[in-house]
């Protein structure tokens, strides 16, 4: 798949054409996957902001960029834990919300493998957030676990219908 071009960034939903869409478009349009990886690794932009951009992208750019961002979160979680576990917790919460949205709409079947990898990672690595289970962020951990279970359920349903 090629870097999304101007046509890919066109949005046919006039309600979606807002400042969030424009901000995502200005930040991501024309960037290659290695450029996005460098941004993620350098943490020059807050992870939550990058994930918010994903949510506001048209379908084609989302399909192009999501696997790279998701893979980064899975493979670099240990790096985050040295610095800011809470940012990682909130990042996973945000990205699983996006996954649920796409699964509820039965969109982006091309990304189901990436969705599955992300859900499996979260199911297998709940201990990453153990330090938050008893503190003021315990609700955040519980919510992430509930959302992960919901995403797993939705993924099973859509894959039965359209494997």
C-alpha atoms as a PDB file:
ATOM      1  CA  UNK A   1       0.000   0.000   0.000  1.00  0.00           C
ATOM      2  CA  UNK A   2       1.296   3.446  -0.913  1.00  0.00           C
ATOM      3  CA  UNK A   3       1.446   6.495   1.303  1.00  0.00           C
ATOM      4  CA  UNK A   4      -2.077   7.965   1.319  1.00  0.00           C
ATOM      5  CA  UNK A   5      -2.330  10.829  -1.154  1.00  0.00           C
ATOM      6  CA  UNK A   6      -4.670  13.825  -1.459  1.00  0.00           C
ATOM      7  CA  UNK A   7      -7.529  11.657  -2.747  1.00  0.00           C
ATOM      8  CA  UNK A   8      -7.143   9.252   0.173  1.00  0.00           C
ATOM      9  CA  UNK A   9      -7.395  12.138   2.595  1.00  0.00           C
ATOM     10  CA  UNK A  10     -10.599  13.459   1.062  1.00  0.00           C
ATOM     11  CA  UNK A  11     -13.483  12.997   3.403  1.00  0.00           C
ATOM     12  CA  UNK A  12     -17.008  12.460   2.111  1.00  0.00           C
ATOM     13  CA  UNK A  13     -18.578  13.103   5.521  1.00  0.00           C
ATOM     14  CA  UNK A  14     -19.025  16.877   5.939  1.00  0.00           C
ATOM     15  CA  UNK A  15     -19.592  16.398   9.677  1.00  0.00           C
ATOM     16  CA  UNK A  16     -16.107  14.903  10.006  1.00  0.00           C
ATOM     17  CA  UNK A  17     -14.424  17.913   8.430  1.00  0.00           C
ATOM     18  CA  UNK A  18     -13.459  19.717  11.582  1.00  0.00           C
ATOM     19  CA  UNK A  19     -10.298  20.932  13.264  1.00  0.00           C
ATOM     20  CA  UNK A  20      -9.446  17.430  14.531  1.00  0.00           C
ATOM     21  CA  UNK A  21      -9.585  16.058  10.983  1.00  0.00           C
ATOM     22  CA  UNK A  22      -7.492  18.946   9.667  1.00  0.00           C
ATOM     23  CA  UNK A  23      -4.967  18.539  12.457  1.00  0.00           C
ATOM     24  CA  UNK A  24      -4.583  14.810  11.737  1.00  0.00           C
ATOM     25  CA  UNK A  25      -4.300  15.484   8.027  1.00  0.00           C
ATOM     26  CA  UNK A  26      -1.642  18.162   8.515  1.00  0.00           C
ATOM     27  CA  UNK A  27       0.404  15.971  10.853  1.00  0.00           C
ATOM     28  CA  UNK A  28       0.249  12.636   8.956  1.00  0.00           C
ATOM     29  CA  UNK A  29      -0.386  13.375   5.267  1.00  0.00           C
ATOM     30  CA  UNK A  30       2.564  12.404   3.102  1.00  0.00           C
ATOM     31  CA  UNK A  31       4.457  10.645   5.888  1.00  0.00           C
ATOM     32  CA  UNK A  32       5.926   7.228   5.270  1.00  0.00           C
ATOM     33  CA  UNK A  33       5.733   4.436   7.808  1.00  0.00           C
ATOM     34  CA  UNK A  34       9.433   4.859   8.749  1.00  0.00           C
ATOM     35  CA  UNK A  35       8.765   8.560   9.398  1.00  0.00           C
ATOM     36  CA  UNK A  36       5.857   7.662  11.678  1.00  0.00           C
ATOM     37  CA  UNK A  37       8.040   5.083  13.450  1.00  0.00           C
ATOM     38  CA  UNK A  38      10.671   7.774  14.063  1.00  0.00           C
ATOM     39  CA  UNK A  39       8.030  10.118  15.512  1.00  0.00           C
ATOM     40  CA  UNK A  40       6.780   7.353  17.787  1.00  0.00           C
ATOM     41  CA  UNK A  41      10.242   6.272  18.903  1.00  0.00           C
ATOM     42  CA  UNK A  42      11.357   9.841  19.492  1.00  0.00           C
ATOM     43  CA  UNK A  43       8.193  10.536  21.454  1.00  0.00           C
ATOM     44  CA  UNK A  44       8.227  14.050  20.092  1.00  0.00           C
ATOM     45  CA  UNK A  45       4.430  14.042  20.121  1.00  0.00           C
ATOM     46  CA  UNK A  46       2.289  12.866  23.019  1.00  0.00           C
ATOM     47  CA  UNK A  47       0.999   9.362  22.301  1.00  0.00           C
ATOM     48  CA  UNK A  48      -2.597  10.295  23.126  1.00  0.00           C
ATOM     49  CA  UNK A  49      -2.491  13.034  20.517  1.00  0.00           C
ATOM     50  CA  UNK A  50      -1.258  10.620  17.843  1.00  0.00           C
ATOM     51  CA  UNK A  51      -4.016   8.165  18.731  1.00  0.00           C
ATOM     52  CA  UNK A  52      -6.607  10.924  18.587  1.00  0.00           C
ATOM     53  CA  UNK A  53      -5.329  11.674  15.092  1.00  0.00           C
ATOM     54  CA  UNK A  54      -5.945   8.038  14.103  1.00  0.00           C
ATOM     55  CA  UNK A  55      -9.528   8.350  15.238  1.00  0.00           C
ATOM     56  CA  UNK A  56     -10.046  11.393  13.016  1.00  0.00           C
ATOM     57  CA  UNK A  57      -8.530   9.983   9.822  1.00  0.00           C
ATOM     58  CA  UNK A  58     -10.460   8.842   6.788  1.00  0.00           C
ATOM     59  CA  UNK A  59     -10.530   5.091   6.262  1.00  0.00           C
ATOM     60  CA  UNK A  60      -7.591   4.705   3.837  1.00  0.00           C
ATOM     61  CA  UNK A  61      -5.017   6.611   5.908  1.00  0.00           C
ATOM     62  CA  UNK A  62      -6.277   4.804   9.013  1.00  0.00           C
ATOM     63  CA  UNK A  63      -5.726   1.414   7.342  1.00  0.00           C
ATOM     64  CA  UNK A  64      -2.256   2.511   6.276  1.00  0.00           C
ATOM     65  CA  UNK A  65      -1.046   3.881   9.633  1.00  0.00           C
ATOM     66  CA  UNK A  66      -2.870   1.780  12.262  1.00  0.00           C
ATOM     67  CA  UNK A  67      -0.683  -1.368  12.071  1.00  0.00           C
ATOM     68  CA  UNK A  68       2.493   0.664  12.578  1.00  0.00           C
ATOM     69  CA  UNK A  69       1.129   2.523  15.595  1.00  0.00           C
ATOM     70  CA  UNK A  70      -0.387  -0.628  17.106  1.00  0.00           C
ATOM     71  CA  UNK A  71       2.805  -2.624  16.569  1.00  0.00           C
ATOM     72  CA  UNK A  72       4.852   0.162  18.118  1.00  0.00           C
ATOM     73  CA  UNK A  73       2.692   0.126  21.238  1.00  0.00           C
ATOM     74  CA  UNK A  74       3.006  -3.647  21.538  1.00  0.00           C
ATOM     75  CA  UNK A  75       6.744  -3.875  20.895  1.00  0.00           C
ATOM     76  CA  UNK A  76       7.840  -0.763  22.769  1.00  0.00           C
ATOM     77  CA  UNK A  77       5.744  -1.182  25.894  1.00  0.00           C
ATOM     78  CA  UNK A  78       8.860  -2.031  27.927  1.00  0.00           C
ATOM     79  CA  UNK A  79      10.468   1.265  26.892  1.00  0.00           C
ATOM     80  CA  UNK A  80       7.388   3.147  28.047  1.00  0.00           C
ATOM     81  CA  UNK A  81       7.329   1.372  31.374  1.00  0.00           C
ATOM     82  CA  UNK A  82      10.692   2.847  32.249  1.00  0.00           C
ATOM     83  CA  UNK A  83       9.281   6.351  31.831  1.00  0.00           C
ATOM     84  CA  UNK A  84       5.527   6.633  32.009  1.00  0.00           C
ATOM     85  CA  UNK A  85       3.292   3.640  32.566  1.00  0.00           C
ATOM     86  CA  UNK A  86       0.264   5.883  32.844  1.00  0.00           C
ATOM     87  CA  UNK A  87       0.789   7.275  29.332  1.00  0.00           C
ATOM     88  CA  UNK A  88       0.934   3.710  28.061  1.00  0.00           C
ATOM     89  CA  UNK A  89      -2.198   2.745  30.002  1.00  0.00           C
ATOM     90  CA  UNK A  90      -4.108   5.706  28.578  1.00  0.00           C
ATOM     91  CA  UNK A  91      -2.699   5.020  25.116  1.00  0.00           C
ATOM     92  CA  UNK A  92      -3.942   1.437  25.156  1.00  0.00           C
ATOM     93  CA  UNK A  93      -7.299   2.628  26.460  1.00  0.00           C
ATOM     94  CA  UNK A  94      -7.582   5.072  23.580  1.00  0.00           C
ATOM     95  CA  UNK A  95      -6.484   2.639  20.883  1.00  0.00           C
ATOM     96  CA  UNK A  96      -8.810  -0.131  22.095  1.00  0.00           C
ATOM     97  CA  UNK A  97     -11.693   2.380  21.879  1.00  0.00           C
ATOM     98  CA  UNK A  98     -10.794   2.939  18.233  1.00  0.00           C
ATOM     99  CA  UNK A  99     -10.683  -0.823  17.626  1.00  0.00           C
ATOM    100  CA  UNK A 100     -14.120  -1.249  19.219  1.00  0.00           C
ATOM    101  CA  UNK A 101     -15.552   1.531  17.048  1.00  0.00           C
ATOM    102  CA  UNK A 102     -14.321  -0.129  13.857  1.00  0.00           C
ATOM    103  CA  UNK A 103     -15.445  -3.584  14.976  1.00  0.00           C
ATOM    104  CA  UNK A 104     -18.934  -2.345  15.870  1.00  0.00           C
ATOM    105  CA  UNK A 105     -19.222  -0.878  12.379  1.00  0.00           C
ATOM    106  CA  UNK A 106     -17.695  -4.048  10.885  1.00  0.00           C
ATOM    107  CA  UNK A 107     -15.170  -1.910   9.040  1.00  0.00           C
ATOM    108  CA  UNK A 108     -11.543  -2.424   8.104  1.00  0.00           C
ATOM    109  CA  UNK A 109     -11.416  -6.191   7.759  1.00  0.00           C
ATOM    110  CA  UNK A 110      -7.865  -5.652   6.431  1.00  0.00           C
ATOM    111  CA  UNK A 111      -6.890  -4.704   9.987  1.00  0.00           C
ATOM    112  CA  UNK A 112      -8.456  -7.610  11.858  1.00  0.00           C
ATOM    113  CA  UNK A 113      -5.048  -9.290  12.264  1.00  0.00           C
ATOM    114  CA  UNK A 114      -3.660  -6.071  13.809  1.00  0.00           C
ATOM    115  CA  UNK A 115      -6.743  -5.766  16.004  1.00  0.00           C
ATOM    116  CA  UNK A 116      -6.315  -9.388  17.133  1.00  0.00           C
ATOM    117  CA  UNK A 117      -2.611  -8.863  17.903  1.00  0.00           C
ATOM    118  CA  UNK A 118      -3.416  -5.816  20.011  1.00  0.00           C
ATOM    119  CA  UNK A 119      -6.212  -7.575  21.925  1.00  0.00           C
ATOM    120  CA  UNK A 120      -4.047 -10.651  22.517  1.00  0.00           C
ATOM    121  CA  UNK A 121      -1.203  -8.480  23.763  1.00  0.00           C
ATOM    122  CA  UNK A 122      -3.475  -6.709  26.238  1.00  0.00           C
ATOM    123  CA  UNK A 123      -4.986  -9.992  27.450  1.00  0.00           C
ATOM    124  CA  UNK A 124      -1.548 -11.530  27.967  1.00  0.00           C
ATOM    125  CA  UNK A 125       0.111  -8.505  29.551  1.00  0.00           C
ATOM    126  CA  UNK A 126      -2.334  -7.182  32.110  1.00  0.00           C
ATOM    127  CA  UNK A 127       0.475  -7.195  34.665  1.00  0.00           C
ATOM    128  CA  UNK A 128       1.946  -4.145  32.908  1.00  0.00           C
ATOM    129  CA  UNK A 129      -0.542  -2.037  34.794  1.00  0.00           C
ATOM    130  CA  UNK A 130      -0.481  -3.812  38.162  1.00  0.00           C
ATOM    131  CA  UNK A 131       0.917  -0.754  39.910  1.00  0.00           C
ATOM    132  CA  UNK A 132      -2.323   1.092  39.060  1.00  0.00           C
ATOM    133  CA  UNK A 133      -4.752  -1.608  40.203  1.00  0.00           C
ATOM    134  CA  UNK A 134      -5.011  -0.373  43.798  1.00  0.00           C
ATOM    135  CA  UNK A 135      -4.385   3.333  43.373  1.00  0.00           C
ATOM    136  CA  UNK A 136      -6.353   6.255  42.061  1.00  0.00           C
ATOM    137  CA  UNK A 137      -6.179   4.838  38.514  1.00  0.00           C
ATOM    138  CA  UNK A 138      -7.623   1.420  39.344  1.00  0.00           C
ATOM    139  CA  UNK A 139     -10.807   2.316  37.433  1.00  0.00           C
ATOM    140  CA  UNK A 140      -8.689   2.962  34.336  1.00  0.00           C
ATOM    141  CA  UNK A 141      -7.172  -0.523  34.530  1.00  0.00           C
ATOM    142  CA  UNK A 142     -10.589  -2.136  35.053  1.00  0.00           C
ATOM    143  CA  UNK A 143     -12.058  -0.162  32.132  1.00  0.00           C
ATOM    144  CA  UNK A 144      -9.197  -1.210  29.865  1.00  0.00           C
ATOM    145  CA  UNK A 145      -9.751  -4.849  30.811  1.00  0.00           C
ATOM    146  CA  UNK A 146     -13.495  -4.533  30.087  1.00  0.00           C
ATOM    147  CA  UNK A 147     -12.838  -2.858  26.737  1.00  0.00           C
ATOM    148  CA  UNK A 148     -10.303  -5.538  25.837  1.00  0.00           C
ATOM    149  CA  UNK A 149     -12.887  -8.237  26.576  1.00  0.00           C
ATOM    150  CA  UNK A 150     -15.485  -6.358  24.502  1.00  0.00           C
ATOM    151  CA  UNK A 151     -13.047  -6.009  21.586  1.00  0.00           C
ATOM    152  CA  UNK A 152     -12.219  -9.711  21.799  1.00  0.00           C
ATOM    153  CA  UNK A 153     -15.928 -10.579  21.700  1.00  0.00           C
ATOM    154  CA  UNK A 154     -16.639  -8.252  18.758  1.00  0.00           C
ATOM    155  CA  UNK A 155     -13.615  -9.554  16.869  1.00  0.00           C
ATOM    156  CA  UNK A 156     -14.846 -13.132  17.270  1.00  0.00           C
ATOM    157  CA  UNK A 157     -18.269 -12.135  15.921  1.00  0.00           C
ATOM    158  CA  UNK A 158     -17.041 -10.253  12.857  1.00  0.00           C
ATOM    159  CA  UNK A 159     -14.498 -12.913  11.981  1.00  0.00           C
ATOM    160  CA  UNK A 160     -17.221 -15.579  12.015  1.00  0.00           C
ATOM    161  CA  UNK A 161     -19.251 -13.527   9.583  1.00  0.00           C
ATOM    162  CA  UNK A 162     -16.378 -12.505   7.301  1.00  0.00           C
ATOM    163  CA  UNK A 163     -13.257 -14.630   7.938  1.00  0.00           C
END
